[in-house]
């Protein structure tokens, strides 16, 4: 118990040092002492009346909810520049986007692939990302438009618009507008979902589409909403497949239960407007996913994630993926394997489970809610009893429980983003009508909450402009909060591009523990790139790559040094007589030879 208390205190100290959540507490304390102002000043009534009238123009609200966050984020580019990738997952998604932008679902394996192995990438039977294609498609769209980040920007705006649309199906128009505003202010503009390449917005769009379509189908089934439901399922299946499976299973179960309990239902329209269109759309979705799997893995029933796990034996995986002991060729890969193995061992103890649970609960709380929005949660029990909130409550609680067993990162909860804001808005509605004796305490607090949320968002922007290190509700998980981590590689790229010709860079890691910043990531067309990054495999193995690229200038990179070091590759003797060793074979050969190819 003493250790747990010490851990929590240490975590709070970190938050105080790098987060603006304490600012929210201070603002709440100050404004609550002046809460009568929030009912005495007539300006609040005027603003709310105008916004309520505007909210009735539902289509215009959805359009503006999509475009305004995009415009605001573009205006903030001098303060929040285009993010620089640094995390291993980001490079994998960018590889997928580059592959799709070139009109391919997968890239052919490279003859010298053992030199280019990296985390979250598969090299056999194709050279591809381990992830399903939704996030990669978004990045590909952005790359076609000029920069992969443009796709993320558009997906963020679309997320805010779709969340407003979903809330309009469940709540009065003005409350849907409020929920969209919270979504845009709290996580849309400054969160790592748009300030890194990790994603989150695509799954949030899928979840909001599915829930909004479900609400309409329950009222009156239509072909349009049936197809919107399947579109939401498709986005979830191809962005967050595990969480999406849980989400869709619960959603489908609730929908079937509602339909069969409705004694006044006419099954003819349900069959023609819901079951048949949805079934055909789902079959099309399944065929498309099977074709994608076939092109990437050679097996229509095997996803790239499974191939990556079979090849490298990562211990932290889903229960039905059985991992094998693998001897890895490269230091960074081996350290990552040991890192996951250590976490897996630690999670088997009760103490580690407590630490893991409390840490990730705080991460999710800070990202989606924060101090100000915690006040309305006092009425969460009442919200759970509202019939319209039953589905969002079930989906949110179920996914939360599962995430606590897996990993409590905010983008893992992305499918229920709309549900979380639906519950928050419903709690604010209950708070607003709360009275204590004869005063309007609930109305005052509801206005205070929104003012504090807006001020905190502005404070984040000001802190960023002043170069004050500040986390944005869990953003320390992404590269956008530690831009210097990715800038070292970008600086090295700029240095190399200033030298004429093409380059081959061997990356030499000297780290003794895993660090999720990787340098060995290449474009979809490796041979066509001006800069090729390769693992340093020692002088003898490096020779074969030097012979394979005889016209490239060779370099050694040392990313673990502070600052990093980039130096010309040491002069080598004549190696024309040394044969090039081309490795063929996939995961099975890797396991047979213990991960070391001759």
Foldseek 3Di string as FASTA:
>chain_A
DVVVVVLVVVVVVVCVQFACLVVLVVLLVVCLVVLVCLVPDCVNVVVLVVLLVVLVVPVVLLVCLLPVLLVVLVVLCVLQNQFFAFFQLQLQLQQLLLQVLVVHLFACADLLNLFQDDPQFFRPPTTHGLAFRLLSVLQNVVVVVPGSLVSLSNLLSNLLSLLLLLLVLQDRRSLSSVLSVCSSLQDRRPFVCSSTSNHLSLLLSLLSQLNSLLSVVLVPFAQVSLVSNLVSLLSCCRHVNVLSVVLVVLSVVVSVVSQVVPPPDDVVCCVVGHVVSNVVSVVVSLVVQLVSCCSHHVGSVDGSNLQSCLQLVQPQDDPVRHGDQFDALFDQSVQNSVVSVVLVVLCVDPVSLVSQLVVLVQLQCLRQARDLLVVLCVCLVVLCPDPSLVSLVVSQVVQSVVCSVRPSANSSSSSSSSSSSSSSSVSLVVLQCDDDPPDRRSVSSSVSSVVSSNVSSVVVSVCSNVVRQHHRRNRVVGCSSVSVSSVLLVVVVVVLVVDDFAEEEEEDEPDPHHDSGDNSRAHSPQVPDSYHYTHCSDDVLVVLVCVVCVRHFYWYWYVVDVNIDIGGDPDDPDPVVPDRDGDDDGSVVSVVVSNDDD
